[in-house]
Structure formats: C-alpha cells, structure tokens
Amino acid sequence: MPNEPLPPRAGAEAARAAHWRATRRLTAVLMVLWLCTGFGTVYFARELSHFSLFGWPLSFYMAAQGASLVSLAIIAIYAWRMHRLDRRYQAGAREDA
C-alpha cells in the first residue's frame, strides 16, 4: 500500500524496491484507466449516437473532448502521485544513510 510508512532501517535497496513497486502499480492503474476511456468511447459510440448535443452526436463530444480531458487528468494525477512517492521514499532513504 503506498501510504504505509517505511520500516525503520529498511535499507536503500528495500526503499528502491518499494518505490519501484509503487511506481509500477500507479502506472498500471492509470494505463488501465486510459485504455478504458480510449476503448470505451469507440466501443460505445453507436449507442451514444442516439443522443445529440448542439446537433452533433454525443459520441463525437465524448471522443473529441472527454477523452482528451481524461488524458490530461491522468497526466496530472501521475505527476502529483509521483512527486509524493519520490518525496516519501527519498526521506526514507536519507534516514537509512
């Protein structure tokens, strides 16, 4: 779990391994979210075309605007979480040194 405190004297190698595990987990979750939004918009486009917004099918807006906004949100979440993870594991590595 990313919010668990590091055990005292965990060692630099253990801190690096924990950081890498947390990074991979975060990346996997965000990539699955990105895949779902990218694939879901295309897969459900026919069902969404029954609704229109300002004369254009809703699927057009979902693909053109929604997917782009989700991608930007994913980038922002990744940067924010990685900053927190880096600070946490750097502090733990400094205590061990």
C-alpha atoms as a PDB file:
ATOM      1  CA  MET A   1       0.000   0.000   0.000  1.00  0.00           C
ATOM      2  CA  PRO A   2       1.533   3.368  -0.981  1.00  0.00           C
ATOM      3  CA  ASN A   3       0.597   5.096   2.301  1.00  0.00           C
ATOM      4  CA  GLU A   4       2.298   2.573   4.590  1.00  0.00           C
ATOM      5  CA  PRO A   5       5.274   4.022   6.453  1.00  0.00           C
ATOM      6  CA  LEU A   6       8.670   2.574   5.691  1.00  0.00           C
ATOM      7  CA  PRO A   7      10.026   0.305   8.402  1.00  0.00           C
ATOM      8  CA  PRO A   8      12.950   1.828  10.320  1.00  0.00           C
ATOM      9  CA  ARG A   9      16.336   0.976   8.836  1.00  0.00           C
ATOM     10  CA  ALA A  10      14.744  -0.582   5.765  1.00  0.00           C
ATOM     11  CA  GLY A  11      17.895  -0.027   3.751  1.00  0.00           C
ATOM     12  CA  ALA A  12      18.401   1.794   0.492  1.00  0.00           C
ATOM     13  CA  GLU A  13      17.793  -1.319  -1.602  1.00  0.00           C
ATOM     14  CA  ALA A  14      14.472  -2.063   0.102  1.00  0.00           C
ATOM     15  CA  ALA A  15      13.405   1.565  -0.312  1.00  0.00           C
ATOM     16  CA  ARG A  16      14.235   1.438  -4.023  1.00  0.00           C
ATOM     17  CA  ALA A  17      12.298  -1.814  -4.437  1.00  0.00           C
ATOM     18  CA  ALA A  18       9.269  -0.405  -2.609  1.00  0.00           C
ATOM     19  CA  HIS A  19       9.424   2.785  -4.680  1.00  0.00           C
ATOM     20  CA  TRP A  20       9.584   0.782  -7.894  1.00  0.00           C
ATOM     21  CA  ARG A  21       6.627  -1.404  -6.822  1.00  0.00           C
ATOM     22  CA  ALA A  22       4.525   1.665  -6.022  1.00  0.00           C
ATOM     23  CA  THR A  23       5.522   3.294  -9.322  1.00  0.00           C
ATOM     24  CA  ARG A  24       4.580   0.208 -11.338  1.00  0.00           C
ATOM     25  CA  ARG A  25       1.250  -0.110  -9.531  1.00  0.00           C
ATOM     26  CA  LEU A  26       0.383   3.551 -10.156  1.00  0.00           C
ATOM     27  CA  THR A  27       1.400   3.290 -13.809  1.00  0.00           C
ATOM     28  CA  ALA A  28      -0.653   0.117 -14.323  1.00  0.00           C
ATOM     29  CA  VAL A  29      -3.788   1.628 -12.777  1.00  0.00           C
ATOM     30  CA  LEU A  30      -3.524   4.795 -14.836  1.00  0.00           C
ATOM     31  CA  MET A  31      -2.816   2.864 -18.048  1.00  0.00           C
ATOM     32  CA  VAL A  32      -5.920   0.715 -17.474  1.00  0.00           C
ATOM     33  CA  LEU A  33      -7.963   3.878 -16.920  1.00  0.00           C
ATOM     34  CA  TRP A  34      -6.556   5.370 -20.122  1.00  0.00           C
ATOM     35  CA  LEU A  35      -7.319   2.161 -22.047  1.00  0.00           C
ATOM     36  CA  CYS A  36     -10.874   2.048 -20.728  1.00  0.00           C
ATOM     37  CA  THR A  37     -11.595   5.638 -21.692  1.00  0.00           C
ATOM     38  CA  GLY A  38      -9.987   5.318 -25.115  1.00  0.00           C
ATOM     39  CA  PHE A  39     -11.563   1.960 -25.910  1.00  0.00           C
ATOM     40  CA  GLY A  40     -14.899   2.667 -24.220  1.00  0.00           C
ATOM     41  CA  THR A  41     -15.518   5.815 -26.235  1.00  0.00           C
ATOM     42  CA  VAL A  42     -15.012   3.978 -29.511  1.00  0.00           C
ATOM     43  CA  TYR A  43     -16.799   0.787 -28.447  1.00  0.00           C
ATOM     44  CA  PHE A  44     -19.949   2.531 -27.208  1.00  0.00           C
ATOM     45  CA  ALA A  45     -20.013   5.243 -29.887  1.00  0.00           C
ATOM     46  CA  ARG A  46     -23.027   3.749 -31.688  1.00  0.00           C
ATOM     47  CA  GLU A  47     -25.103   3.636 -28.523  1.00  0.00           C
ATOM     48  CA  LEU A  48     -24.162   7.209 -27.686  1.00  0.00           C
ATOM     49  CA  SER A  49     -25.016   8.484 -31.184  1.00  0.00           C
ATOM     50  CA  HIS A  50     -28.739   8.374 -30.315  1.00  0.00           C
ATOM     51  CA  PHE A  51     -28.190  11.465 -28.209  1.00  0.00           C
ATOM     52  CA  SER A  52     -27.188  14.763 -29.732  1.00  0.00           C
ATOM     53  CA  LEU A  53     -25.632  17.885 -28.315  1.00  0.00           C
ATOM     54  CA  PHE A  54     -25.933  21.064 -30.380  1.00  0.00           C
ATOM     55  CA  GLY A  55     -26.703  18.973 -33.460  1.00  0.00           C
ATOM     56  CA  TRP A  56     -23.667  16.721 -33.135  1.00  0.00           C
ATOM     57  CA  PRO A  57     -23.759  13.149 -31.832  1.00  0.00           C
ATOM     58  CA  LEU A  58     -22.773  12.762 -28.187  1.00  0.00           C
ATOM     59  CA  SER A  59     -20.145  10.213 -29.177  1.00  0.00           C
ATOM     60  CA  PHE A  60     -18.345  12.954 -31.124  1.00  0.00           C
ATOM     61  CA  TYR A  61     -18.053  15.097 -27.987  1.00  0.00           C
ATOM     62  CA  MET A  62     -17.021  12.115 -25.861  1.00  0.00           C
ATOM     63  CA  ALA A  63     -14.221  11.248 -28.276  1.00  0.00           C
ATOM     64  CA  ALA A  64     -13.096  14.791 -29.070  1.00  0.00           C
ATOM     65  CA  GLN A  65     -13.363  16.431 -25.658  1.00  0.00           C
ATOM     66  CA  GLY A  66     -13.872  13.837 -22.954  1.00  0.00           C
ATOM     67  CA  ALA A  67     -11.016  11.506 -23.857  1.00  0.00           C
ATOM     68  CA  SER A  68      -8.612  14.440 -24.112  1.00  0.00           C
ATOM     69  CA  LEU A  69      -9.650  15.768 -20.707  1.00  0.00           C
ATOM     70  CA  VAL A  70      -9.277  12.324 -19.138  1.00  0.00           C
ATOM     71  CA  SER A  71      -5.779  12.042 -20.612  1.00  0.00           C
ATOM     72  CA  LEU A  72      -4.814  15.411 -19.124  1.00  0.00           C
ATOM     73  CA  ALA A  73      -6.259  14.357 -15.765  1.00  0.00           C
ATOM     74  CA  ILE A  74      -4.265  11.118 -15.876  1.00  0.00           C
ATOM     75  CA  ILE A  75      -1.060  13.075 -16.535  1.00  0.00           C
ATOM     76  CA  ALA A  76      -1.817  15.442 -13.640  1.00  0.00           C
ATOM     77  CA  ILE A  77      -2.585  12.551 -11.265  1.00  0.00           C
ATOM     78  CA  TYR A  78       0.602  10.764 -12.297  1.00  0.00           C
ATOM     79  CA  ALA A  79       2.754  13.855 -11.713  1.00  0.00           C
ATOM     80  CA  TRP A  80       1.125  14.575  -8.330  1.00  0.00           C
ATOM     81  CA  ARG A  81       1.384  10.986  -7.043  1.00  0.00           C
ATOM     82  CA  MET A  82       4.946  10.501  -8.301  1.00  0.00           C
ATOM     83  CA  HIS A  83       6.012  13.709  -6.572  1.00  0.00           C
ATOM     84  CA  ARG A  84       4.556  12.384  -3.303  1.00  0.00           C
ATOM     85  CA  LEU A  85       6.112   8.936  -3.800  1.00  0.00           C
ATOM     86  CA  ASP A  86       9.518  10.410  -4.607  1.00  0.00           C
ATOM     87  CA  ARG A  87       9.481  12.635  -1.525  1.00  0.00           C
ATOM     88  CA  ARG A  88       8.373   9.750   0.684  1.00  0.00           C
ATOM     89  CA  TYR A  89      10.997   7.305  -0.463  1.00  0.00           C
ATOM     90  CA  GLN A  90      13.773   9.917  -0.582  1.00  0.00           C
ATOM     91  CA  ALA A  91      13.035  10.777   3.047  1.00  0.00           C
ATOM     92  CA  GLY A  92      13.204   7.086   3.929  1.00  0.00           C
ATOM     93  CA  ALA A  93      16.490   6.652   2.076  1.00  0.00           C
ATOM     94  CA  ARG A  94      18.023   9.660   3.860  1.00  0.00           C
ATOM     95  CA  GLU A  95      17.114   8.226   7.248  1.00  0.00           C
ATOM     96  CA  ASP A  96      18.930   4.989   6.373  1.00  0.00           C
ATOM     97  CA  ALA A  97      22.081   6.723   5.162  1.00  0.00           C
END
